[in-house]
Amino acid sequence: MSTPETVTAPAPVRTAQHRRYLMCRPEHFTVSYKINPWMEPAKPTDTANAVAQWQKLYDLYLELGHEVELIEPLAGYPDMVYTANGGFLIDGRAYVPKFRFEQRAGEAPAFADWFRDHDLDTIEPDEVNEGEGDFLLVGNTILAGTGFRSTGDSHREVGEVFGREVVSLNLVDPRFYHLDTAIAVLDPVEGVENGGPEKANIAYLPGAFDDASRAILEERYPDAILVSDEDGSVFGLNSASDGYNVIISPRAKGFEKQLRERGYNPITVDLSELLLGGGGIKCCTLELRGAK
């Protein structure tokens, strides 16, 4: 008697969507202080290599048909390359960061000026927040991280600024000190049918969150890709997606395979030099939603 063949369902067809990003060339990149576990000031850094690696990411975005704006790097602020921390934008409104550490505080006015110069409705914060590092737009919902950088009060504030549902998630592993190191948003909304709940794809690292936050993610995103600590620890989740192409670390081999199985097109870019400062692909990429 023959054994029935197992039929594997085909991967969904994914569609790339146009993106507009803000980036900052790492002309002043170095690690001269320690504000996260990745930073070791005694370890030498190579600014030229950081620029060369960053340039490959910049060029790739253009090759994929996306737009990239640039903000001028400021001497004395080596972490300004991590533009995702420089704000959070939806529908042409920009919520300015208020950095936890004084070493980065001077970046906030520069980002605010850039937003105003580009005719964005610019909102100055009262609460400590680090922009898209801790705020991720998933469909119509803002996932908001706390535990290491952005405060819980900033979750209330960002909800008031944008009039969106905010879901708070508590980070507990200091290696993953921003939400965008532990969650990757893979798709926009896949579709809202008959007024039902939105569907959106994410990937996340379960061990980065406390039990309550894991329960929230499991309930809201039952089809999410669960990423291993091995892939998370090389900043595999600190990635950028246009709905089809997902830019990831070349060392996140398991995550790369998981993405292919789900119908995505993973593309690897090595930002190992910038990882010395605790940042990766998404850290270097601020999405300009609704900017003119």
C-alpha atoms as a PDB file:
ATOM      1  CA  MET A   1       0.000   0.000   0.000  1.00  0.00           C
ATOM      2  CA  SER A   2       1.502   3.313  -1.066  1.00  0.00           C
ATOM      3  CA  THR A   3       1.952   6.140   1.403  1.00  0.00           C
ATOM      4  CA  PRO A   4       0.029   9.312   0.499  1.00  0.00           C
ATOM      5  CA  GLU A   5       2.254  12.186  -0.519  1.00  0.00           C
ATOM      6  CA  THR A   6       2.326  15.197   1.724  1.00  0.00           C
ATOM      7  CA  VAL A   7       1.016  18.241  -0.119  1.00  0.00           C
ATOM      8  CA  THR A   8       2.769  21.448   0.832  1.00  0.00           C
ATOM      9  CA  ALA A   9       0.696  24.582   0.417  1.00  0.00           C
ATOM     10  CA  PRO A  10       2.305  27.114  -1.922  1.00  0.00           C
ATOM     11  CA  ALA A  11       3.801  30.189  -0.343  1.00  0.00           C
ATOM     12  CA  PRO A  12       1.634  33.316  -0.616  1.00  0.00           C
ATOM     13  CA  VAL A  13       2.385  35.737  -3.433  1.00  0.00           C
ATOM     14  CA  ARG A  14       3.990  38.845  -1.934  1.00  0.00           C
ATOM     15  CA  THR A  15       4.009  42.299  -3.495  1.00  0.00           C
ATOM     16  CA  ALA A  16       6.700  44.933  -3.031  1.00  0.00           C
ATOM     17  CA  GLN A  17       5.417  48.382  -2.109  1.00  0.00           C
ATOM     18  CA  HIS A  18       7.155  51.701  -2.596  1.00  0.00           C
ATOM     19  CA  ARG A  19       8.910  53.091   0.465  1.00  0.00           C
ATOM     20  CA  ARG A  20      10.471  56.433   1.353  1.00  0.00           C
ATOM     21  CA  TYR A  21      13.262  56.440   3.913  1.00  0.00           C
ATOM     22  CA  LEU A  22      15.496  58.862   5.828  1.00  0.00           C
ATOM     23  CA  MET A  23      19.134  57.847   6.304  1.00  0.00           C
ATOM     24  CA  CYS A  24      22.326  59.462   7.615  1.00  0.00           C
ATOM     25  CA  ARG A  25      25.790  58.709   6.277  1.00  0.00           C
ATOM     26  CA  PRO A  26      28.019  57.478   9.165  1.00  0.00           C
ATOM     27  CA  GLU A  27      30.844  59.928   8.507  1.00  0.00           C
ATOM     28  CA  HIS A  28      31.474  60.342  12.241  1.00  0.00           C
ATOM     29  CA  PHE A  29      30.811  56.758  13.318  1.00  0.00           C
ATOM     30  CA  THR A  30      32.843  55.424  16.197  1.00  0.00           C
ATOM     31  CA  VAL A  31      32.154  53.827  19.582  1.00  0.00           C
ATOM     32  CA  SER A  32      33.386  56.245  22.221  1.00  0.00           C
ATOM     33  CA  TYR A  33      30.860  55.514  24.999  1.00  0.00           C
ATOM     34  CA  LYS A  34      28.689  52.613  26.183  1.00  0.00           C
ATOM     35  CA  ILE A  35      24.904  52.933  26.322  1.00  0.00           C
ATOM     36  CA  ASN A  36      23.980  49.398  25.252  1.00  0.00           C
ATOM     37  CA  PRO A  37      25.563  45.942  25.662  1.00  0.00           C
ATOM     38  CA  TRP A  38      26.908  45.895  22.112  1.00  0.00           C
ATOM     39  CA  MET A  39      29.136  48.946  22.565  1.00  0.00           C
ATOM     40  CA  GLU A  40      32.747  48.385  23.650  1.00  0.00           C
ATOM     41  CA  PRO A  41      34.691  51.674  23.487  1.00  0.00           C
ATOM     42  CA  ALA A  42      38.020  49.855  23.849  1.00  0.00           C
ATOM     43  CA  LYS A  43      37.357  47.899  20.666  1.00  0.00           C
ATOM     44  CA  PRO A  44      38.587  49.673  17.509  1.00  0.00           C
ATOM     45  CA  THR A  45      36.087  50.755  14.868  1.00  0.00           C
ATOM     46  CA  ASP A  46      36.620  51.504  11.189  1.00  0.00           C
ATOM     47  CA  THR A  47      34.661  54.544  10.030  1.00  0.00           C
ATOM     48  CA  ALA A  48      35.525  53.978   6.364  1.00  0.00           C
ATOM     49  CA  ASN A  49      34.197  50.428   6.566  1.00  0.00           C
ATOM     50  CA  ALA A  50      31.032  51.649   8.279  1.00  0.00           C
ATOM     51  CA  VAL A  51      30.463  54.123   5.434  1.00  0.00           C
ATOM     52  CA  ALA A  52      31.127  51.462   2.788  1.00  0.00           C
ATOM     53  CA  GLN A  53      28.691  48.989   4.375  1.00  0.00           C
ATOM     54  CA  TRP A  54      26.067  51.707   4.840  1.00  0.00           C
ATOM     55  CA  GLN A  55      26.485  52.720   1.175  1.00  0.00           C
ATOM     56  CA  LYS A  56      25.539  49.200   0.058  1.00  0.00           C
ATOM     57  CA  LEU A  57      22.287  49.448   1.986  1.00  0.00           C
ATOM     58  CA  TYR A  58      21.581  52.902   0.559  1.00  0.00           C
ATOM     59  CA  ASP A  59      22.296  51.730  -2.988  1.00  0.00           C
ATOM     60  CA  LEU A  60      20.110  48.651  -2.540  1.00  0.00           C
ATOM     61  CA  TYR A  61      17.114  50.730  -1.527  1.00  0.00           C
ATOM     62  CA  LEU A  62      17.508  52.776  -4.701  1.00  0.00           C
ATOM     63  CA  GLU A  63      17.894  49.626  -6.822  1.00  0.00           C
ATOM     64  CA  LEU A  64      14.630  48.336  -5.385  1.00  0.00           C
ATOM     65  CA  GLY A  65      12.887  51.537  -6.472  1.00  0.00           C
ATOM     66  CA  HIS A  66      12.566  53.219  -3.085  1.00  0.00           C
ATOM     67  CA  GLU A  67      13.284  56.880  -2.324  1.00  0.00           C
ATOM     68  CA  VAL A  68      15.963  57.805   0.197  1.00  0.00           C
ATOM     69  CA  GLU A  69      16.358  61.226   1.787  1.00  0.00           C
ATOM     70  CA  LEU A  70      19.475  62.166   3.724  1.00  0.00           C
ATOM     71  CA  ILE A  71      19.981  64.154   6.907  1.00  0.00           C
ATOM     72  CA  GLU A  72      23.351  65.824   7.440  1.00  0.00           C
ATOM     73  CA  PRO A  73      25.530  63.974   9.977  1.00  0.00           C
ATOM     74  CA  LEU A  74      26.658  66.069  12.936  1.00  0.00           C
ATOM     75  CA  ALA A  75      30.164  65.806  14.359  1.00  0.00           C
ATOM     76  CA  GLY A  76      30.087  64.528  17.922  1.00  0.00           C
ATOM     77  CA  TYR A  77      26.998  62.377  17.372  1.00  0.00           C
ATOM     78  CA  PRO A  78      28.271  59.044  16.057  1.00  0.00           C
ATOM     79  CA  ASP A  79      24.905  57.313  16.624  1.00  0.00           C
ATOM     80  CA  MET A  80      23.041  59.674  14.298  1.00  0.00           C
ATOM     81  CA  VAL A  81      23.452  57.024  11.596  1.00  0.00           C
ATOM     82  CA  TYR A  82      20.669  55.145  13.422  1.00  0.00           C
ATOM     83  CA  THR A  83      17.938  57.348  11.970  1.00  0.00           C
ATOM     84  CA  ALA A  84      15.123  55.032  13.051  1.00  0.00           C
ATOM     85  CA  ASN A  85      15.551  56.547  16.512  1.00  0.00           C
ATOM     86  CA  GLY A  86      15.116  60.031  15.062  1.00  0.00           C
ATOM     87  CA  GLY A  87      11.325  60.059  14.972  1.00  0.00           C
ATOM     88  CA  PHE A  88       8.101  58.262  14.162  1.00  0.00           C
ATOM     89  CA  LEU A  89       5.987  59.309  11.189  1.00  0.00           C
ATOM     90  CA  ILE A  90       2.468  58.505  10.054  1.00  0.00           C
ATOM     91  CA  ASP A  91       0.465  60.427   7.422  1.00  0.00           C
ATOM     92  CA  GLY A  92       2.915  63.309   7.262  1.00  0.00           C
ATOM     93  CA  ARG A  93       3.003  63.899  11.035  1.00  0.00           C
ATOM     94  CA  ALA A  94       6.367  63.507  12.788  1.00  0.00           C
ATOM     95  CA  TYR A  95       6.741  62.703  16.490  1.00  0.00           C
ATOM     96  CA  VAL A  96      10.186  63.888  17.591  1.00  0.00           C
ATOM     97  CA  PRO A  97      12.386  61.754  19.884  1.00  0.00           C
ATOM     98  CA  LYS A  98      13.497  62.598  23.398  1.00  0.00           C
ATOM     99  CA  PHE A  99      16.561  60.431  23.980  1.00  0.00           C
ATOM    100  CA  ARG A 100      17.185  58.695  27.281  1.00  0.00           C
ATOM    101  CA  PHE A 101      20.952  59.250  27.237  1.00  0.00           C
ATOM    102  CA  GLU A 102      22.606  62.654  27.056  1.00  0.00           C
ATOM    103  CA  GLN A 103      25.111  61.380  24.493  1.00  0.00           C
ATOM    104  CA  ARG A 104      22.318  61.343  21.903  1.00  0.00           C
ATOM    105  CA  ALA A 105      20.196  64.278  23.098  1.00  0.00           C
ATOM    106  CA  GLY A 106      21.653  66.675  20.519  1.00  0.00           C
ATOM    107  CA  GLU A 107      20.313  64.578  17.662  1.00  0.00           C
ATOM    108  CA  ALA A 108      16.673  65.388  18.434  1.00  0.00           C
ATOM    109  CA  PRO A 109      16.764  69.096  17.404  1.00  0.00           C
ATOM    110  CA  ALA A 110      18.463  68.165  14.128  1.00  0.00           C
ATOM    111  CA  PHE A 111      15.721  65.677  13.269  1.00  0.00           C
ATOM    112  CA  ALA A 112      13.007  68.144  14.317  1.00  0.00           C
ATOM    113  CA  ASP A 113      14.523  70.807  12.045  1.00  0.00           C
ATOM    114  CA  TRP A 114      14.671  68.339   9.149  1.00  0.00           C
ATOM    115  CA  PHE A 115      11.007  67.456   9.607  1.00  0.00           C
ATOM    116  CA  ARG A 116       9.959  71.113   9.718  1.00  0.00           C
ATOM    117  CA  ASP A 117      12.102  71.967   6.695  1.00  0.00           C
ATOM    118  CA  HIS A 118      10.223  69.260   4.790  1.00  0.00           C
ATOM    119  CA  ASP A 119       6.798  70.624   5.774  1.00  0.00           C
ATOM    120  CA  LEU A 120       5.927  67.829   8.168  1.00  0.00           C
ATOM    121  CA  ASP A 121       3.544  68.430  11.054  1.00  0.00           C
ATOM    122  CA  THR A 122       6.212  68.197  13.756  1.00  0.00           C
ATOM    123  CA  ILE A 123       5.243  67.281  17.328  1.00  0.00           C
ATOM    124  CA  GLU A 124       7.707  67.862  20.176  1.00  0.00           C
ATOM    125  CA  PRO A 125       7.444  65.205  22.918  1.00  0.00           C
ATOM    126  CA  ASP A 126       7.073  65.527  26.659  1.00  0.00           C
ATOM    127  CA  GLU A 127       8.009  61.902  27.282  1.00  0.00           C
ATOM    128  CA  VAL A 128      11.236  59.965  26.749  1.00  0.00           C
ATOM    129  CA  ASN A 129      10.967  58.074  23.466  1.00  0.00           C
ATOM    130  CA  GLU A 130      13.366  56.857  20.806  1.00  0.00           C
ATOM    131  CA  GLY A 131      11.214  57.028  17.718  1.00  0.00           C
ATOM    132  CA  GLU A 132      10.804  54.090  15.401  1.00  0.00           C
ATOM    133  CA  GLY A 133      13.298  52.192  17.497  1.00  0.00           C
ATOM    134  CA  ASP A 134      10.444  51.538  19.934  1.00  0.00           C
ATOM    135  CA  PHE A 135       7.340  52.292  17.833  1.00  0.00           C
ATOM    136  CA  LEU A 136       6.382  49.972  14.988  1.00  0.00           C
ATOM    137  CA  LEU A 137       3.326  50.486  12.793  1.00  0.00           C
ATOM    138  CA  VAL A 138       1.634  47.151  12.099  1.00  0.00           C
ATOM    139  CA  GLY A 139      -1.479  47.720  10.049  1.00  0.00           C
ATOM    140  CA  ASN A 140      -3.454  50.326  11.977  1.00  0.00           C
ATOM    141  CA  THR A 141      -1.856  49.475  15.308  1.00  0.00           C
ATOM    142  CA  ILE A 142       1.268  50.905  16.939  1.00  0.00           C
ATOM    143  CA  LEU A 143       3.344  48.315  18.764  1.00  0.00           C
ATOM    144  CA  ALA A 144       5.283  50.178  21.447  1.00  0.00           C
ATOM    145  CA  GLY A 145       8.314  48.922  23.331  1.00  0.00           C
ATOM    146  CA  THR A 146       9.453  49.800  26.826  1.00  0.00           C
ATOM    147  CA  GLY A 147      11.855  48.417  29.383  1.00  0.00           C
ATOM    148  CA  PHE A 148      15.149  50.019  28.390  1.00  0.00           C
ATOM    149  CA  ARG A 149      14.663  53.248  26.416  1.00  0.00           C
ATOM    150  CA  SER A 150      11.184  54.650  25.701  1.00  0.00           C
ATOM    151  CA  THR A 151       8.976  55.099  28.773  1.00  0.00           C
ATOM    152  CA  GLY A 152       5.476  53.756  29.219  1.00  0.00           C
ATOM    153  CA  ASP A 153       4.150  57.330  29.297  1.00  0.00           C
ATOM    154  CA  SER A 154       5.424  57.809  25.761  1.00  0.00           C
ATOM    155  CA  HIS A 155       3.032  55.042  24.696  1.00  0.00           C
ATOM    156  CA  ARG A 156       0.109  57.136  25.879  1.00  0.00           C
ATOM    157  CA  GLU A 157       1.574  60.202  24.204  1.00  0.00           C
ATOM    158  CA  VAL A 158       2.182  58.534  20.827  1.00  0.00           C
ATOM    159  CA  GLY A 159      -1.392  57.238  20.871  1.00  0.00           C
ATOM    160  CA  GLU A 160      -2.685  60.768  21.441  1.00  0.00           C
ATOM    161  CA  VAL A 161      -0.466  62.186  18.686  1.00  0.00           C
ATOM    162  CA  PHE A 162      -1.612  59.724  16.040  1.00  0.00           C
ATOM    163  CA  GLY A 163      -5.042  58.650  17.256  1.00  0.00           C
ATOM    164  CA  ARG A 164      -4.147  54.963  16.909  1.00  0.00           C
ATOM    165  CA  GLU A 165      -4.417  51.931  19.124  1.00  0.00           C
ATOM    166  CA  VAL A 166      -1.142  51.410  21.002  1.00  0.00           C
ATOM    167  CA  VAL A 167      -0.116  47.991  22.290  1.00  0.00           C
ATOM    168  CA  SER A 168       2.605  48.101  24.949  1.00  0.00           C
ATOM    169  CA  LEU A 169       5.264  45.384  24.976  1.00  0.00           C
ATOM    170  CA  ASN A 170       7.895  44.980  27.681  1.00  0.00           C
ATOM    171  CA  LEU A 171      11.458  44.115  26.638  1.00  0.00           C
ATOM    172  CA  VAL A 172      13.480  42.150  29.198  1.00  0.00           C
ATOM    173  CA  ASP A 173      16.743  41.173  27.460  1.00  0.00           C
ATOM    174  CA  PRO A 174      19.217  44.100  27.425  1.00  0.00           C
ATOM    175  CA  ARG A 175      20.696  42.914  24.117  1.00  0.00           C
ATOM    176  CA  PHE A 176      17.369  43.826  22.548  1.00  0.00           C
ATOM    177  CA  TYR A 177      16.947  47.251  24.037  1.00  0.00           C
ATOM    178  CA  HIS A 178      14.750  48.649  21.243  1.00  0.00           C
ATOM    179  CA  LEU A 179      11.601  47.036  19.881  1.00  0.00           C
ATOM    180  CA  ASP A 180      12.984  47.038  16.335  1.00  0.00           C
ATOM    181  CA  THR A 181      15.715  44.626  17.421  1.00  0.00           C
ATOM    182  CA  ALA A 182      13.118  42.049  18.522  1.00  0.00           C
ATOM    183  CA  ILE A 183      10.264  42.499  16.014  1.00  0.00           C
ATOM    184  CA  ALA A 184      10.334  42.854  12.239  1.00  0.00           C
ATOM    185  CA  VAL A 185       7.240  44.159  10.439  1.00  0.00           C
ATOM    186  CA  LEU A 186       7.054  42.185   7.205  1.00  0.00           C
ATOM    187  CA  ASP A 187       3.843  43.416   5.588  1.00  0.00           C
ATOM    188  CA  PRO A 188       1.383  46.218   5.601  1.00  0.00           C
ATOM    189  CA  VAL A 189      -2.202  45.152   6.260  1.00  0.00           C
ATOM    190  CA  GLU A 190      -3.022  42.133   4.112  1.00  0.00           C
ATOM    191  CA  GLY A 191      -6.700  42.973   4.085  1.00  0.00           C
ATOM    192  CA  VAL A 192      -9.598  43.927   6.312  1.00  0.00           C
ATOM    193  CA  GLU A 193     -12.647  41.886   5.415  1.00  0.00           C
ATOM    194  CA  ASN A 194     -16.186  42.831   6.418  1.00  0.00           C
ATOM    195  CA  GLY A 195     -14.954  45.057   9.182  1.00  0.00           C
ATOM    196  CA  GLY A 196     -13.020  42.211  10.776  1.00  0.00           C
ATOM    197  CA  PRO A 197      -9.602  42.431  12.423  1.00  0.00           C
ATOM    198  CA  GLU A 198      -6.634  43.394  10.323  1.00  0.00           C
ATOM    199  CA  LYS A 199      -4.095  40.818   9.258  1.00  0.00           C
ATOM    200  CA  ALA A 200      -0.430  41.678   9.170  1.00  0.00           C
ATOM    201  CA  ASN A 201       2.729  39.632   9.207  1.00  0.00           C
ATOM    202  CA  ILE A 202       5.495  40.080  11.734  1.00  0.00           C
ATOM    203  CA  ALA A 203       8.484  38.099  12.926  1.00  0.00           C
ATOM    204  CA  TYR A 204       9.696  38.270  16.506  1.00  0.00           C
ATOM    205  CA  LEU A 205      12.059  36.845  19.089  1.00  0.00           C
ATOM    206  CA  PRO A 206       9.950  35.400  21.945  1.00  0.00           C
ATOM    207  CA  GLY A 207      12.770  35.480  24.497  1.00  0.00           C
ATOM    208  CA  ALA A 208      13.133  39.263  24.209  1.00  0.00           C
ATOM    209  CA  PHE A 209       9.757  39.812  25.937  1.00  0.00           C
ATOM    210  CA  ASP A 210       8.169  39.122  29.284  1.00  0.00           C
ATOM    211  CA  ASP A 211       5.403  36.533  29.605  1.00  0.00           C
ATOM    212  CA  ALA A 212       2.548  39.026  29.322  1.00  0.00           C
ATOM    213  CA  SER A 213       3.960  40.565  26.133  1.00  0.00           C
ATOM    214  CA  ARG A 214       4.540  37.150  24.579  1.00  0.00           C
ATOM    215  CA  ALA A 215       0.916  36.276  25.284  1.00  0.00           C
ATOM    216  CA  ILE A 216      -0.216  39.456  23.529  1.00  0.00           C
ATOM    217  CA  LEU A 217       1.914  38.699  20.470  1.00  0.00           C
ATOM    218  CA  GLU A 218       0.747  35.082  20.334  1.00  0.00           C
ATOM    219  CA  GLU A 219      -2.897  36.155  20.442  1.00  0.00           C
ATOM    220  CA  ARG A 220      -2.631  38.989  17.926  1.00  0.00           C
ATOM    221  CA  TYR A 221      -0.210  37.385  15.478  1.00  0.00           C
ATOM    222  CA  PRO A 222      -0.741  33.618  15.577  1.00  0.00           C
ATOM    223  CA  ASP A 223       0.937  33.201  12.171  1.00  0.00           C
ATOM    224  CA  ALA A 224       4.047  35.218  13.041  1.00  0.00           C
ATOM    225  CA  ILE A 225       7.500  33.893  12.271  1.00  0.00           C
ATOM    226  CA  LEU A 226       9.192  32.942  15.532  1.00  0.00           C
ATOM    227  CA  VAL A 227      12.892  33.655  15.223  1.00  0.00           C
ATOM    228  CA  SER A 228      15.617  31.820  17.129  1.00  0.00           C
ATOM    229  CA  ASP A 229      17.926  33.493  19.620  1.00  0.00           C
ATOM    230  CA  GLU A 230      20.790  32.551  17.303  1.00  0.00           C
ATOM    231  CA  ASP A 231      19.332  34.700  14.530  1.00  0.00           C
ATOM    232  CA  GLY A 232      18.125  37.410  16.875  1.00  0.00           C
ATOM    233  CA  SER A 233      21.559  37.793  18.435  1.00  0.00           C
ATOM    234  CA  VAL A 234      23.048  38.816  15.070  1.00  0.00           C
ATOM    235  CA  PHE A 235      20.306  41.474  14.700  1.00  0.00           C
ATOM    236  CA  GLY A 236      18.428  39.321  12.184  1.00  0.00           C
ATOM    237  CA  LEU A 237      15.156  40.987  13.149  1.00  0.00           C
ATOM    238  CA  ASN A 238      16.554  44.480  12.719  1.00  0.00           C
ATOM    239  CA  SER A 239      15.479  44.352   9.101  1.00  0.00           C
ATOM    240  CA  ALA A 240      13.562  46.380   6.542  1.00  0.00           C
ATOM    241  CA  SER A 241      10.719  45.018   4.419  1.00  0.00           C
ATOM    242  CA  ASP A 242       8.724  46.416   1.502  1.00  0.00           C
ATOM    243  CA  GLY A 243       6.230  43.562   1.671  1.00  0.00           C
ATOM    244  CA  TYR A 244       8.263  41.279  -0.593  1.00  0.00           C
ATOM    245  CA  ASN A 245      11.951  42.120  -0.304  1.00  0.00           C
ATOM    246  CA  VAL A 246      13.258  41.791   3.252  1.00  0.00           C
ATOM    247  CA  ILE A 247      16.745  43.168   3.906  1.00  0.00           C
ATOM    248  CA  ILE A 248      18.441  41.147   6.645  1.00  0.00           C
ATOM    249  CA  SER A 249      21.812  40.319   8.168  1.00  0.00           C
ATOM    250  CA  PRO A 250      23.746  37.668   6.199  1.00  0.00           C
ATOM    251  CA  ARG A 251      24.347  35.801   9.461  1.00  0.00           C
ATOM    252  CA  ALA A 252      20.629  35.213  10.136  1.00  0.00           C
ATOM    253  CA  LYS A 253      20.553  31.954   8.172  1.00  0.00           C
ATOM    254  CA  GLY A 254      17.530  30.430   9.886  1.00  0.00           C
ATOM    255  CA  PHE A 255      15.470  33.587   9.486  1.00  0.00           C
ATOM    256  CA  GLU A 256      16.458  33.764   5.819  1.00  0.00           C
ATOM    257  CA  LYS A 257      15.069  30.256   5.289  1.00  0.00           C
ATOM    258  CA  GLN A 258      11.876  31.060   7.200  1.00  0.00           C
ATOM    259  CA  LEU A 259      11.286  34.121   5.021  1.00  0.00           C
ATOM    260  CA  ARG A 260      11.716  32.148   1.799  1.00  0.00           C
ATOM    261  CA  GLU A 261       9.250  29.534   3.017  1.00  0.00           C
ATOM    262  CA  ARG A 262       6.677  32.320   3.544  1.00  0.00           C
ATOM    263  CA  GLY A 263       7.123  33.739   0.043  1.00  0.00           C
ATOM    264  CA  TYR A 264       9.394  36.671   0.861  1.00  0.00           C
ATOM    265  CA  ASN A 265      12.623  37.544  -0.936  1.00  0.00           C
ATOM    266  CA  PRO A 266      15.362  37.940   1.694  1.00  0.00           C
ATOM    267  CA  ILE A 267      18.344  40.040   0.599  1.00  0.00           C
ATOM    268  CA  THR A 268      21.407  40.170   2.817  1.00  0.00           C
ATOM    269  CA  VAL A 269      23.458  43.269   3.617  1.00  0.00           C
ATOM    270  CA  ASP A 270      26.390  43.158   6.013  1.00  0.00           C
ATOM    271  CA  LEU A 271      26.369  46.008   8.550  1.00  0.00           C
ATOM    272  CA  SER A 272      28.736  44.284  10.977  1.00  0.00           C
ATOM    273  CA  GLU A 273      30.724  47.476  11.582  1.00  0.00           C
ATOM    274  CA  LEU A 274      27.614  49.378  12.616  1.00  0.00           C
ATOM    275  CA  LEU A 275      26.567  46.490  14.856  1.00  0.00           C
ATOM    276  CA  LEU A 276      29.531  47.483  17.038  1.00  0.00           C
ATOM    277  CA  GLY A 277      27.396  50.470  18.018  1.00  0.00           C
ATOM    278  CA  GLY A 278      24.315  48.311  18.595  1.00  0.00           C
ATOM    279  CA  GLY A 279      22.560  49.037  15.322  1.00  0.00           C
ATOM    280  CA  GLY A 280      21.616  47.265  12.130  1.00  0.00           C
ATOM    281  CA  ILE A 281      19.597  47.631   8.955  1.00  0.00           C
ATOM    282  CA  LYS A 282      16.357  48.898  10.489  1.00  0.00           C
ATOM    283  CA  CYS A 283      18.241  51.157  12.896  1.00  0.00           C
ATOM    284  CA  CYS A 284      19.684  52.945   9.851  1.00  0.00           C
ATOM    285  CA  THR A 285      16.270  53.337   8.206  1.00  0.00           C
ATOM    286  CA  LEU A 286      13.490  55.732   9.251  1.00  0.00           C
ATOM    287  CA  GLU A 287      10.306  55.332   7.219  1.00  0.00           C
ATOM    288  CA  LEU A 288       8.847  58.645   6.014  1.00  0.00           C
ATOM    289  CA  ARG A 289       5.160  57.762   5.878  1.00  0.00           C
ATOM    290  CA  GLY A 290       3.195  60.494   4.189  1.00  0.00           C
ATOM    291  CA  ALA A 291       6.123  62.885   3.784  1.00  0.00           C
ATOM    292  CA  LYS A 292       5.936  65.161   0.736  1.00  0.00           C
END
